[in-house]
Structures are given as structure tokens and as C-alpha cells.
Amino acid sequence: MTTSASVPVLAVDVGGTKLETGLVDADGCILGRRRAATTGKDGDALFEQLMGLVEPLMADGPVAGIGVGCGGPMSDGGSLVSPLNIGQWRDFPLAGRLAERTGSTVVVDNDAKALALGEGWCGAAVGERDFLAMVVSTGVGGGLVLDGRLLDGAAGNAGHVGHVVVDPDGPLCVCGNRGCLEAVASGPAIQRLTGAPPAEASLEVRRRTGDLVGRAVATVVNLLDVRLAVVAGSVALGFGAPFFEAAQRRLDLECGLEFTRGARILPAGLGADGPLVGAAAVWHHARRNLVDLAVGS
């Protein structure tokens, strides 16, 4: 007999450079995955490209539902998504379109908030009640857990640490401000500033990027009294030790209050699996909330 706990969640990660789907079991293990570059020329073409990754996995057997982590911003509940780094989608009804095509329950949330849920479930933040999770990749995003609860904000976009200003005289950001963390530390920003892809970045660039991320994290630590930040994404994980050492040095310099001293910044524990595990966690999180509401009513 098949139980709901044994049926995997179909996880979807929508990023500025790649789309990925996978089946994730109740222990956070990925059973199978598919990926492709984000290349659809318009909104509908991009959605069809995504369906080309979703449908083969659904053909493998039943799924409990579909959890999606997607770049933001988005409307409350993820019903309309407008990822800054995916120009093809503006107010795109991703959840509704996926539900219509698959017949499954679909839950969408910001990809960095998804990461926070995944890292708290089976990553570097297991057992932590207060932490920041970050993605430093094509974009820079964040998700915040305080008192054991994921912060949503008025429209579901809480945690956008990528738009904390770290260099007031810095370059223009896609959000319209100057010197945001995303404008100086994301993959495209690094390529614009250096003329080379992030994978070819010098040691100096890796350290400078870590320092800027540490500055943004210090702002969050001082404001919200969190003592742990876990960081994922191709830039952060690809830059490795020089990035994290520089970020920790900056954190040590700028977190001198008694309640912030000793704050840590660590690589995300799920590594490259984080986006899919996080997307599955989005579905589980929503399901638990519904159960809690039913019990409390």
C-alpha cells in the first residue's frame, strides 16, 4: 500500500540561468532530476521548456504535490511571479499554470526562502531557530527564520538581502537603486565588473565579494539578532574558502555588540541539492500550515 509519506514531492527550481526539477522523498533525498538552461524566448515558451522537465518526472509515478522555488519578487502566495533575472515572466501565473497542466497541488515561494526551509529541514541550520539563508548566484536573495518561523512579509517577499546597499557609490542595480549587494556580488555583476565569468575570478575578486556579502549579513545580524547565516549559490560555493573567510572577517569586524558577537557565516549544508530540497520543503511547509490551521479551528 502506498502512503502519502512515501510519495515524493516534485520539486521545481526556477533560476535566471537554469531550470531544474526533481523528485524528493520525505527524508529530503533526491530520487531523480532534470535540468536545462533558462532559454525560453518569451513567457509561454519558457513555461513549455519547464513543462518539458516536469512531465517526464510525473510519468514515473504519482507525486504528493509540486513545490516551487522561484526568483522574486512575487505576489503573496506566489500566484504571480516577476523574477528580476527572468525578463520573460512579468506577473506570470506560474502556480495556476502548473496546477492546470499537471492536476497537482502547487505551492510557490521565493527560492531563497525555499533554501531557508531546506537548510532548516536537513542542512546546515538543523536545530537552529534563528538564521538567515542566502543564495549568491545569478541573483542574490535571502530567507529569514526567526523564533523557528519563516518570515513572509506583507507580500511574501521578506528577506531580500540582495537589495541591502553595501556600496553607496556602486553600480546601478536592476531594482533601480545603487550599490545593492546584488549589483556587486551576483554572477552577472561580477562578469560586468571584471570582464570575465565568475569561474575565472581572481583571488582578490573572490575575497572582495565575500567581504561585501559579510557586510550585508552583518546588517541583518545587528538588526534581527540572528547568529547564523548559511550561504548557497554558484558564486558563493564556487568561490569557496577565500569567499567565506573574507565574509567571516567582515562579520567579526561589524558585529561587536554583546548579542551579535560570534555570529557565523557558513556554506549551506545541502550544496548543489539545496534548490530542489528547498522547493520540496516549500510544499511540506505549506501542508503543515494547513494542518495547523485545521487543528486550531
C-alpha atoms as a PDB file:
ATOM      1  CA  MET A   1       0.000   0.000   0.000  1.00  0.00           C
ATOM      2  CA  THR A   2       1.337   3.447  -0.961  1.00  0.00           C
ATOM      3  CA  THR A   3       1.083   6.065   1.799  1.00  0.00           C
ATOM      4  CA  SER A   4       1.242   9.838   1.349  1.00  0.00           C
ATOM      5  CA  ALA A   5       4.519   9.893   3.275  1.00  0.00           C
ATOM      6  CA  SER A   6       6.101   7.530   0.747  1.00  0.00           C
ATOM      7  CA  VAL A   7       5.019   9.519  -2.329  1.00  0.00           C
ATOM      8  CA  PRO A   8       7.681  12.035  -3.386  1.00  0.00           C
ATOM      9  CA  VAL A   9       7.199  15.739  -3.942  1.00  0.00           C
ATOM     10  CA  LEU A  10       8.011  17.062  -7.382  1.00  0.00           C
ATOM     11  CA  ALA A  11      10.425  19.946  -6.720  1.00  0.00           C
ATOM     12  CA  VAL A  12      10.968  22.780  -9.192  1.00  0.00           C
ATOM     13  CA  ASP A  13      13.748  25.361  -9.081  1.00  0.00           C
ATOM     14  CA  VAL A  14      13.390  28.346 -11.421  1.00  0.00           C
ATOM     15  CA  GLY A  15      16.595  30.343 -11.755  1.00  0.00           C
ATOM     16  CA  GLY A  16      17.954  33.025 -14.034  1.00  0.00           C
ATOM     17  CA  THR A  17      20.398  30.662 -15.738  1.00  0.00           C
ATOM     18  CA  LYS A  18      18.896  27.209 -15.208  1.00  0.00           C
ATOM     19  CA  LEU A  19      15.650  25.345 -14.631  1.00  0.00           C
ATOM     20  CA  GLU A  20      15.746  22.160 -12.569  1.00  0.00           C
ATOM     21  CA  THR A  21      13.199  19.612 -11.447  1.00  0.00           C
ATOM     22  CA  GLY A  22      13.478  16.582  -9.197  1.00  0.00           C
ATOM     23  CA  LEU A  23      11.609  14.046  -7.116  1.00  0.00           C
ATOM     24  CA  VAL A  24      12.328  14.492  -3.401  1.00  0.00           C
ATOM     25  CA  ASP A  25      11.334  11.931  -0.781  1.00  0.00           C
ATOM     26  CA  ALA A  26      10.164  12.527   2.802  1.00  0.00           C
ATOM     27  CA  ASP A  27      13.766  12.466   4.075  1.00  0.00           C
ATOM     28  CA  GLY A  28      14.949  15.165   1.669  1.00  0.00           C
ATOM     29  CA  CYS A  29      16.720  12.733  -0.683  1.00  0.00           C
ATOM     30  CA  ILE A  30      16.599  13.467  -4.414  1.00  0.00           C
ATOM     31  CA  LEU A  31      15.430  10.414  -6.349  1.00  0.00           C
ATOM     32  CA  GLY A  32      15.828  11.794  -9.852  1.00  0.00           C
ATOM     33  CA  ARG A  33      16.401  15.163 -11.509  1.00  0.00           C
ATOM     34  CA  ARG A  34      16.351  17.007 -14.824  1.00  0.00           C
ATOM     35  CA  ARG A  35      17.786  20.394 -15.750  1.00  0.00           C
ATOM     36  CA  ALA A  36      18.132  22.805 -18.657  1.00  0.00           C
ATOM     37  CA  ALA A  37      19.375  26.331 -19.295  1.00  0.00           C
ATOM     38  CA  THR A  38      16.767  29.092 -18.930  1.00  0.00           C
ATOM     39  CA  THR A  39      16.364  29.984 -22.604  1.00  0.00           C
ATOM     40  CA  GLY A  40      12.658  30.351 -23.497  1.00  0.00           C
ATOM     41  CA  LYS A  41      12.292  33.411 -25.743  1.00  0.00           C
ATOM     42  CA  ASP A  42       9.018  34.554 -24.139  1.00  0.00           C
ATOM     43  CA  GLY A  43       6.830  33.694 -21.167  1.00  0.00           C
ATOM     44  CA  ASP A  44       4.894  30.880 -22.799  1.00  0.00           C
ATOM     45  CA  ALA A  45       7.994  29.360 -24.405  1.00  0.00           C
ATOM     46  CA  LEU A  46       9.785  29.388 -21.057  1.00  0.00           C
ATOM     47  CA  PHE A  47       6.817  27.700 -19.398  1.00  0.00           C
ATOM     48  CA  GLU A  48       6.799  24.990 -22.082  1.00  0.00           C
ATOM     49  CA  GLN A  49      10.509  24.481 -21.520  1.00  0.00           C
ATOM     50  CA  LEU A  50       9.787  23.990 -17.826  1.00  0.00           C
ATOM     51  CA  MET A  51       6.999  21.524 -18.595  1.00  0.00           C
ATOM     52  CA  GLY A  52       9.499  19.549 -20.666  1.00  0.00           C
ATOM     53  CA  LEU A  53      11.323  18.896 -17.382  1.00  0.00           C
ATOM     54  CA  VAL A  54       8.217  18.377 -15.223  1.00  0.00           C
ATOM     55  CA  GLU A  55       6.215  15.928 -17.356  1.00  0.00           C
ATOM     56  CA  PRO A  56       8.850  13.154 -17.666  1.00  0.00           C
ATOM     57  CA  LEU A  57       9.196  13.017 -13.873  1.00  0.00           C
ATOM     58  CA  MET A  58       5.428  12.892 -13.397  1.00  0.00           C
ATOM     59  CA  ALA A  59       5.326   9.964 -15.809  1.00  0.00           C
ATOM     60  CA  ASP A  60       7.464   7.978 -13.348  1.00  0.00           C
ATOM     61  CA  GLY A  61       4.572   7.694 -10.873  1.00  0.00           C
ATOM     62  CA  PRO A  62       2.329   9.691  -8.528  1.00  0.00           C
ATOM     63  CA  VAL A  63       3.571  12.782  -6.702  1.00  0.00           C
ATOM     64  CA  ALA A  64       2.243  14.263  -3.481  1.00  0.00           C
ATOM     65  CA  GLY A  65       2.304  17.744  -4.966  1.00  0.00           C
ATOM     66  CA  ILE A  66       4.602  20.299  -6.555  1.00  0.00           C
ATOM     67  CA  GLY A  67       6.820  22.674  -4.601  1.00  0.00           C
ATOM     68  CA  VAL A  68       8.483  25.548  -6.453  1.00  0.00           C
ATOM     69  CA  GLY A  69      11.336  27.858  -5.542  1.00  0.00           C
ATOM     70  CA  CYS A  70      11.471  30.834  -7.911  1.00  0.00           C
ATOM     71  CA  GLY A  71      13.340  34.108  -8.033  1.00  0.00           C
ATOM     72  CA  GLY A  72      11.342  37.108  -6.881  1.00  0.00           C
ATOM     73  CA  PRO A  73       9.635  39.376  -6.385  1.00  0.00           C
ATOM     74  CA  MET A  74       6.225  37.740  -6.489  1.00  0.00           C
ATOM     75  CA  SER A  75       2.715  38.315  -5.230  1.00  0.00           C
ATOM     76  CA  ASP A  76       1.534  36.882  -1.919  1.00  0.00           C
ATOM     77  CA  GLY A  77       1.460  33.099  -2.160  1.00  0.00           C
ATOM     78  CA  GLY A  78       3.468  33.124  -5.387  1.00  0.00           C
ATOM     79  CA  SER A  79       0.372  33.320  -7.595  1.00  0.00           C
ATOM     80  CA  LEU A  80       2.129  35.826  -9.891  1.00  0.00           C
ATOM     81  CA  VAL A  81       5.910  35.821 -10.320  1.00  0.00           C
ATOM     82  CA  SER A  82       8.174  38.545 -11.752  1.00  0.00           C
ATOM     83  CA  PRO A  83      11.779  37.355 -11.270  1.00  0.00           C
ATOM     84  CA  LEU A  84      14.190  40.254 -11.732  1.00  0.00           C
ATOM     85  CA  ASN A  85      16.588  37.997 -13.638  1.00  0.00           C
ATOM     86  CA  ILE A  86      13.958  36.383 -15.883  1.00  0.00           C
ATOM     87  CA  GLY A  87      12.567  39.106 -18.114  1.00  0.00           C
ATOM     88  CA  GLN A  88      10.205  36.688 -19.905  1.00  0.00           C
ATOM     89  CA  TRP A  89       7.988  36.452 -16.819  1.00  0.00           C
ATOM     90  CA  ARG A  90       6.250  39.553 -15.518  1.00  0.00           C
ATOM     91  CA  ASP A  91       3.182  38.841 -13.364  1.00  0.00           C
ATOM     92  CA  PHE A  92       3.305  35.318 -14.743  1.00  0.00           C
ATOM     93  CA  PRO A  93       0.692  32.973 -13.156  1.00  0.00           C
ATOM     94  CA  LEU A  94       3.164  30.150 -12.526  1.00  0.00           C
ATOM     95  CA  ALA A  95       1.251  28.310  -9.799  1.00  0.00           C
ATOM     96  CA  GLY A  96      -2.018  28.352 -11.718  1.00  0.00           C
ATOM     97  CA  ARG A  97      -0.469  27.268 -14.994  1.00  0.00           C
ATOM     98  CA  LEU A  98       1.399  24.388 -13.355  1.00  0.00           C
ATOM     99  CA  ALA A  99      -1.711  23.246 -11.479  1.00  0.00           C
ATOM    100  CA  GLU A 100      -3.794  23.383 -14.648  1.00  0.00           C
ATOM    101  CA  ARG A 101      -1.330  21.344 -16.693  1.00  0.00           C
ATOM    102  CA  THR A 102      -0.472  18.736 -14.045  1.00  0.00           C
ATOM    103  CA  GLY A 103      -3.632  18.442 -11.958  1.00  0.00           C
ATOM    104  CA  SER A 104      -1.462  18.635  -8.820  1.00  0.00           C
ATOM    105  CA  THR A 105      -1.447  20.929  -5.826  1.00  0.00           C
ATOM    106  CA  VAL A 106       1.233  23.584  -6.457  1.00  0.00           C
ATOM    107  CA  VAL A 107       2.929  25.798  -3.876  1.00  0.00           C
ATOM    108  CA  VAL A 108       5.329  28.556  -4.975  1.00  0.00           C
ATOM    109  CA  ASP A 109       7.699  30.632  -2.864  1.00  0.00           C
ATOM    110  CA  ASN A 110      10.863  32.670  -3.255  1.00  0.00           C
ATOM    111  CA  ASP A 111      13.888  30.477  -3.971  1.00  0.00           C
ATOM    112  CA  ALA A 112      15.932  31.870  -1.068  1.00  0.00           C
ATOM    113  CA  LYS A 113      13.046  31.343   1.359  1.00  0.00           C
ATOM    114  CA  ALA A 114      12.853  27.807  -0.017  1.00  0.00           C
ATOM    115  CA  LEU A 115      16.551  27.404   0.754  1.00  0.00           C
ATOM    116  CA  ALA A 116      15.930  28.533   4.335  1.00  0.00           C
ATOM    117  CA  LEU A 117      13.270  25.857   4.738  1.00  0.00           C
ATOM    118  CA  GLY A 118      15.521  23.207   3.205  1.00  0.00           C
ATOM    119  CA  GLU A 119      18.558  24.090   5.325  1.00  0.00           C
ATOM    120  CA  GLY A 120      16.415  24.046   8.457  1.00  0.00           C
ATOM    121  CA  TRP A 121      14.960  20.674   7.438  1.00  0.00           C
ATOM    122  CA  CYS A 122      18.131  18.718   6.642  1.00  0.00           C
ATOM    123  CA  GLY A 123      21.006  21.151   6.049  1.00  0.00           C
ATOM    124  CA  ALA A 124      23.416  23.376   7.970  1.00  0.00           C
ATOM    125  CA  ALA A 125      20.662  25.031  10.048  1.00  0.00           C
ATOM    126  CA  VAL A 126      19.064  21.903  11.539  1.00  0.00           C
ATOM    127  CA  GLY A 127      18.068  22.676  15.140  1.00  0.00           C
ATOM    128  CA  GLU A 128      18.510  26.459  14.688  1.00  0.00           C
ATOM    129  CA  ARG A 129      15.524  28.666  15.486  1.00  0.00           C
ATOM    130  CA  ASP A 130      17.021  31.930  14.189  1.00  0.00           C
ATOM    131  CA  PHE A 131      19.058  32.161  10.989  1.00  0.00           C
ATOM    132  CA  LEU A 132      19.479  33.751   7.590  1.00  0.00           C
ATOM    133  CA  ALA A 133      19.782  31.657   4.441  1.00  0.00           C
ATOM    134  CA  MET A 134      21.238  33.275   1.324  1.00  0.00           C
ATOM    135  CA  VAL A 135      21.685  32.484  -2.349  1.00  0.00           C
ATOM    136  CA  VAL A 136      24.571  34.236  -4.130  1.00  0.00           C
ATOM    137  CA  SER A 137      24.277  33.233  -7.759  1.00  0.00           C
ATOM    138  CA  THR A 138      22.684  34.852 -10.836  1.00  0.00           C
ATOM    139  CA  GLY A 139      20.830  36.931  -8.261  1.00  0.00           C
ATOM    140  CA  VAL A 140      21.236  37.431  -4.540  1.00  0.00           C
ATOM    141  CA  GLY A 141      18.330  36.523  -2.274  1.00  0.00           C
ATOM    142  CA  GLY A 142      17.640  35.634   1.315  1.00  0.00           C
ATOM    143  CA  GLY A 143      15.200  33.902   3.607  1.00  0.00           C
ATOM    144  CA  LEU A 144      14.840  34.561   7.330  1.00  0.00           C
ATOM    145  CA  VAL A 145      13.777  32.210  10.090  1.00  0.00           C
ATOM    146  CA  LEU A 146      13.031  33.858  13.443  1.00  0.00           C
ATOM    147  CA  ASP A 147      11.770  32.040  16.521  1.00  0.00           C
ATOM    148  CA  GLY A 148      11.513  28.908  14.393  1.00  0.00           C
ATOM    149  CA  ARG A 149       9.171  30.501  11.839  1.00  0.00           C
ATOM    150  CA  LEU A 150       9.855  31.511   8.250  1.00  0.00           C
ATOM    151  CA  LEU A 151       9.239  35.239   7.736  1.00  0.00           C
ATOM    152  CA  ASP A 152       6.927  36.021   4.826  1.00  0.00           C
ATOM    153  CA  GLY A 153       6.299  39.774   4.966  1.00  0.00           C
ATOM    154  CA  ALA A 154       3.246  41.603   3.631  1.00  0.00           C
ATOM    155  CA  ALA A 155       3.503  40.175   0.107  1.00  0.00           C
ATOM    156  CA  GLY A 156       5.683  37.126   0.775  1.00  0.00           C
ATOM    157  CA  ASN A 157       8.977  38.800  -0.164  1.00  0.00           C
ATOM    158  CA  ALA A 158      10.678  39.144   3.238  1.00  0.00           C
ATOM    159  CA  GLY A 159      14.435  38.572   3.301  1.00  0.00           C
ATOM    160  CA  HIS A 160      15.595  40.303   0.103  1.00  0.00           C
ATOM    161  CA  VAL A 161      19.103  40.844   1.429  1.00  0.00           C
ATOM    162  CA  GLY A 162      20.338  41.244  -2.135  1.00  0.00           C
ATOM    163  CA  HIS A 163      18.925  44.751  -2.061  1.00  0.00           C
ATOM    164  CA  VAL A 164      20.744  45.873   1.061  1.00  0.00           C
ATOM    165  CA  VAL A 165      23.081  48.689  -0.037  1.00  0.00           C
ATOM    166  CA  VAL A 166      26.724  47.761   0.605  1.00  0.00           C
ATOM    167  CA  ASP A 167      28.405  50.306  -1.705  1.00  0.00           C
ATOM    168  CA  PRO A 168      26.506  53.625  -1.909  1.00  0.00           C
ATOM    169  CA  ASP A 169      28.642  54.784  -4.852  1.00  0.00           C
ATOM    170  CA  GLY A 170      28.387  51.436  -6.608  1.00  0.00           C
ATOM    171  CA  PRO A 171      26.746  50.460  -9.896  1.00  0.00           C
ATOM    172  CA  LEU A 172      23.059  50.680 -10.675  1.00  0.00           C
ATOM    173  CA  CYS A 173      21.041  47.640  -9.603  1.00  0.00           C
ATOM    174  CA  VAL A 174      18.171  46.088 -11.564  1.00  0.00           C
ATOM    175  CA  CYS A 175      15.882  47.337  -8.771  1.00  0.00           C
ATOM    176  CA  GLY A 176      16.794  50.956  -9.608  1.00  0.00           C
ATOM    177  CA  ASN A 177      18.975  51.625  -6.559  1.00  0.00           C
ATOM    178  CA  ARG A 178      22.761  51.957  -6.485  1.00  0.00           C
ATOM    179  CA  GLY A 179      25.241  49.704  -4.747  1.00  0.00           C
ATOM    180  CA  CYS A 180      22.907  46.882  -3.742  1.00  0.00           C
ATOM    181  CA  LEU A 181      24.612  43.627  -2.851  1.00  0.00           C
ATOM    182  CA  GLU A 182      23.142  42.031  -5.985  1.00  0.00           C
ATOM    183  CA  ALA A 183      24.676  44.785  -8.140  1.00  0.00           C
ATOM    184  CA  VAL A 184      28.201  43.943  -6.954  1.00  0.00           C
ATOM    185  CA  ALA A 185      28.178  40.285  -5.830  1.00  0.00           C
ATOM    186  CA  SER A 186      25.925  38.369  -8.240  1.00  0.00           C
ATOM    187  CA  GLY A 187      27.379  36.369 -11.119  1.00  0.00           C
ATOM    188  CA  PRO A 188      26.317  38.836 -13.849  1.00  0.00           C
ATOM    189  CA  ALA A 189      27.566  41.772 -11.748  1.00  0.00           C
ATOM    190  CA  ILE A 190      30.980  40.154 -11.312  1.00  0.00           C
ATOM    191  CA  GLN A 191      31.195  39.500 -15.043  1.00  0.00           C
ATOM    192  CA  ARG A 192      30.289  43.124 -15.819  1.00  0.00           C
ATOM    193  CA  LEU A 193      32.835  44.450 -13.332  1.00  0.00           C
ATOM    194  CA  THR A 194      35.717  42.139 -14.321  1.00  0.00           C
ATOM    195  CA  GLY A 195      35.003  41.268 -17.950  1.00  0.00           C
ATOM    196  CA  ALA A 196      35.264  37.558 -17.146  1.00  0.00           C
ATOM    197  CA  PRO A 197      32.844  34.871 -15.886  1.00  0.00           C
ATOM    198  CA  PRO A 198      32.817  34.292 -12.110  1.00  0.00           C
ATOM    199  CA  ALA A 199      34.547  30.926 -12.511  1.00  0.00           C
ATOM    200  CA  GLU A 200      37.637  32.834 -13.677  1.00  0.00           C
ATOM    201  CA  ALA A 201      37.565  35.416 -10.866  1.00  0.00           C
ATOM    202  CA  SER A 202      40.853  36.311  -9.216  1.00  0.00           C
ATOM    203  CA  LEU A 203      41.562  35.704  -5.558  1.00  0.00           C
ATOM    204  CA  GLU A 204      41.101  39.427  -4.947  1.00  0.00           C
ATOM    205  CA  VAL A 205      37.612  39.388  -6.502  1.00  0.00           C
ATOM    206  CA  ARG A 206      36.641  36.301  -4.505  1.00  0.00           C
ATOM    207  CA  ARG A 207      37.716  37.954  -1.276  1.00  0.00           C
ATOM    208  CA  ARG A 208      36.077  41.273  -2.133  1.00  0.00           C
ATOM    209  CA  THR A 209      32.794  39.517  -2.937  1.00  0.00           C
ATOM    210  CA  GLY A 210      32.917  37.659   0.383  1.00  0.00           C
ATOM    211  CA  ASP A 211      33.635  40.926   2.199  1.00  0.00           C
ATOM    212  CA  LEU A 212      30.589  42.599   0.633  1.00  0.00           C
ATOM    213  CA  VAL A 213      28.367  39.650   1.493  1.00  0.00           C
ATOM    214  CA  GLY A 214      29.706  39.754   5.062  1.00  0.00           C
ATOM    215  CA  ARG A 215      28.785  43.437   5.259  1.00  0.00           C
ATOM    216  CA  ALA A 216      25.181  42.716   4.250  1.00  0.00           C
ATOM    217  CA  VAL A 217      24.948  39.777   6.640  1.00  0.00           C
ATOM    218  CA  ALA A 218      26.273  41.958   9.486  1.00  0.00           C
ATOM    219  CA  THR A 219      23.420  44.389   8.861  1.00  0.00           C
ATOM    220  CA  VAL A 220      20.907  41.555   9.211  1.00  0.00           C
ATOM    221  CA  VAL A 221      22.631  40.166  12.314  1.00  0.00           C
ATOM    222  CA  ASN A 222      22.666  43.541  14.046  1.00  0.00           C
ATOM    223  CA  LEU A 223      19.080  44.321  13.115  1.00  0.00           C
ATOM    224  CA  LEU A 224      17.404  40.986  13.818  1.00  0.00           C
ATOM    225  CA  ASP A 225      19.583  39.252  16.430  1.00  0.00           C
ATOM    226  CA  VAL A 226      20.398  36.181  14.357  1.00  0.00           C
ATOM    227  CA  ARG A 227      23.749  34.482  14.857  1.00  0.00           C
ATOM    228  CA  LEU A 228      23.945  32.193  11.843  1.00  0.00           C
ATOM    229  CA  ALA A 229      23.929  32.759   8.087  1.00  0.00           C
ATOM    230  CA  VAL A 230      24.119  29.831   5.658  1.00  0.00           C
ATOM    231  CA  VAL A 231      25.036  30.722   2.086  1.00  0.00           C
ATOM    232  CA  ALA A 232      24.480  28.784  -1.134  1.00  0.00           C
ATOM    233  CA  GLY A 233      24.598  29.572  -4.840  1.00  0.00           C
ATOM    234  CA  SER A 234      27.112  29.072  -7.626  1.00  0.00           C
ATOM    235  CA  VAL A 235      29.113  32.209  -6.803  1.00  0.00           C
ATOM    236  CA  ALA A 236      29.428  31.619  -3.056  1.00  0.00           C
ATOM    237  CA  LEU A 237      30.075  27.883  -3.237  1.00  0.00           C
ATOM    238  CA  GLY A 238      32.261  28.256  -6.319  1.00  0.00           C
ATOM    239  CA  PHE A 239      34.429  30.925  -4.671  1.00  0.00           C
ATOM    240  CA  GLY A 240      34.912  28.631  -1.685  1.00  0.00           C
ATOM    241  CA  ALA A 241      37.203  29.266   1.277  1.00  0.00           C
ATOM    242  CA  PRO A 242      38.510  32.736   0.265  1.00  0.00           C
ATOM    243  CA  PHE A 243      34.917  33.973  -0.011  1.00  0.00           C
ATOM    244  CA  PHE A 244      33.778  32.562   3.324  1.00  0.00           C
ATOM    245  CA  GLU A 245      36.933  33.608   5.195  1.00  0.00           C
ATOM    246  CA  ALA A 246      36.546  37.198   3.975  1.00  0.00           C
ATOM    247  CA  ALA A 247      32.842  37.201   4.839  1.00  0.00           C
ATOM    248  CA  GLN A 248      33.567  35.941   8.356  1.00  0.00           C
ATOM    249  CA  ARG A 249      36.279  38.587   8.875  1.00  0.00           C
ATOM    250  CA  ARG A 250      33.825  41.328   7.922  1.00  0.00           C
ATOM    251  CA  LEU A 251      31.194  39.811  10.176  1.00  0.00           C
ATOM    252  CA  ASP A 252      33.639  39.775  13.103  1.00  0.00           C
ATOM    253  CA  LEU A 253      34.500  43.442  12.480  1.00  0.00           C
ATOM    254  CA  GLU A 254      30.922  44.700  12.266  1.00  0.00           C
ATOM    255  CA  CYS A 255      29.187  42.518  14.853  1.00  0.00           C
ATOM    256  CA  GLY A 256      30.668  43.835  18.085  1.00  0.00           C
ATOM    257  CA  LEU A 257      27.574  44.072  20.234  1.00  0.00           C
ATOM    258  CA  GLU A 258      27.292  41.530  23.018  1.00  0.00           C
ATOM    259  CA  PHE A 259      24.322  39.811  21.400  1.00  0.00           C
ATOM    260  CA  THR A 260      25.897  39.733  17.905  1.00  0.00           C
ATOM    261  CA  ARG A 261      29.486  38.844  18.757  1.00  0.00           C
ATOM    262  CA  GLY A 262      30.374  35.376  17.492  1.00  0.00           C
ATOM    263  CA  ALA A 263      27.871  35.328  14.624  1.00  0.00           C
ATOM    264  CA  ARG A 264      28.850  32.782  11.963  1.00  0.00           C
ATOM    265  CA  ILE A 265      28.586  32.558   8.184  1.00  0.00           C
ATOM    266  CA  LEU A 266      28.826  29.043   6.732  1.00  0.00           C
ATOM    267  CA  PRO A 267      28.412  27.273   3.395  1.00  0.00           C
ATOM    268  CA  ALA A 268      24.913  25.853   3.026  1.00  0.00           C
ATOM    269  CA  GLY A 269      24.925  22.203   4.051  1.00  0.00           C
ATOM    270  CA  LEU A 270      22.853  20.942   1.120  1.00  0.00           C
ATOM    271  CA  GLY A 271      25.268  22.227  -1.515  1.00  0.00           C
ATOM    272  CA  ALA A 272      24.014  21.817  -5.071  1.00  0.00           C
ATOM    273  CA  ASP A 273      20.948  19.894  -3.813  1.00  0.00           C
ATOM    274  CA  GLY A 274      19.702  22.922  -1.864  1.00  0.00           C
ATOM    275  CA  PRO A 275      17.377  24.403  -4.525  1.00  0.00           C
ATOM    276  CA  LEU A 276      15.443  21.155  -5.066  1.00  0.00           C
ATOM    277  CA  VAL A 277      15.317  20.126  -1.405  1.00  0.00           C
ATOM    278  CA  GLY A 278      14.202  23.661  -0.595  1.00  0.00           C
ATOM    279  CA  ALA A 279      11.468  23.558  -3.223  1.00  0.00           C
ATOM    280  CA  ALA A 280      10.172  20.295  -1.744  1.00  0.00           C
ATOM    281  CA  ALA A 281      10.305  21.914   1.700  1.00  0.00           C
ATOM    282  CA  VAL A 282       8.064  24.707   0.395  1.00  0.00           C
ATOM    283  CA  TRP A 283       5.352  22.132  -0.299  1.00  0.00           C
ATOM    284  CA  HIS A 284       5.800  20.395   3.080  1.00  0.00           C
ATOM    285  CA  HIS A 285       5.784  23.759   4.894  1.00  0.00           C
ATOM    286  CA  ALA A 286       2.501  24.800   3.284  1.00  0.00           C
ATOM    287  CA  ARG A 287       0.949  21.421   4.054  1.00  0.00           C
ATOM    288  CA  ARG A 288       1.926  21.681   7.731  1.00  0.00           C
ATOM    289  CA  ASN A 289       0.470  25.163   7.924  1.00  0.00           C
ATOM    290  CA  LEU A 290      -2.837  23.938   6.538  1.00  0.00           C
ATOM    291  CA  VAL A 291      -2.897  21.109   9.078  1.00  0.00           C
ATOM    292  CA  ASP A 292      -2.093  23.537  11.900  1.00  0.00           C
ATOM    293  CA  LEU A 293      -4.923  25.838  10.836  1.00  0.00           C
ATOM    294  CA  ALA A 294      -7.347  22.932  10.728  1.00  0.00           C
ATOM    295  CA  VAL A 295      -6.326  21.789  14.210  1.00  0.00           C
ATOM    296  CA  GLY A 296      -6.620  25.314  15.605  1.00  0.00           C
ATOM    297  CA  SER A 297     -10.056  25.971  14.128  1.00  0.00           C
END
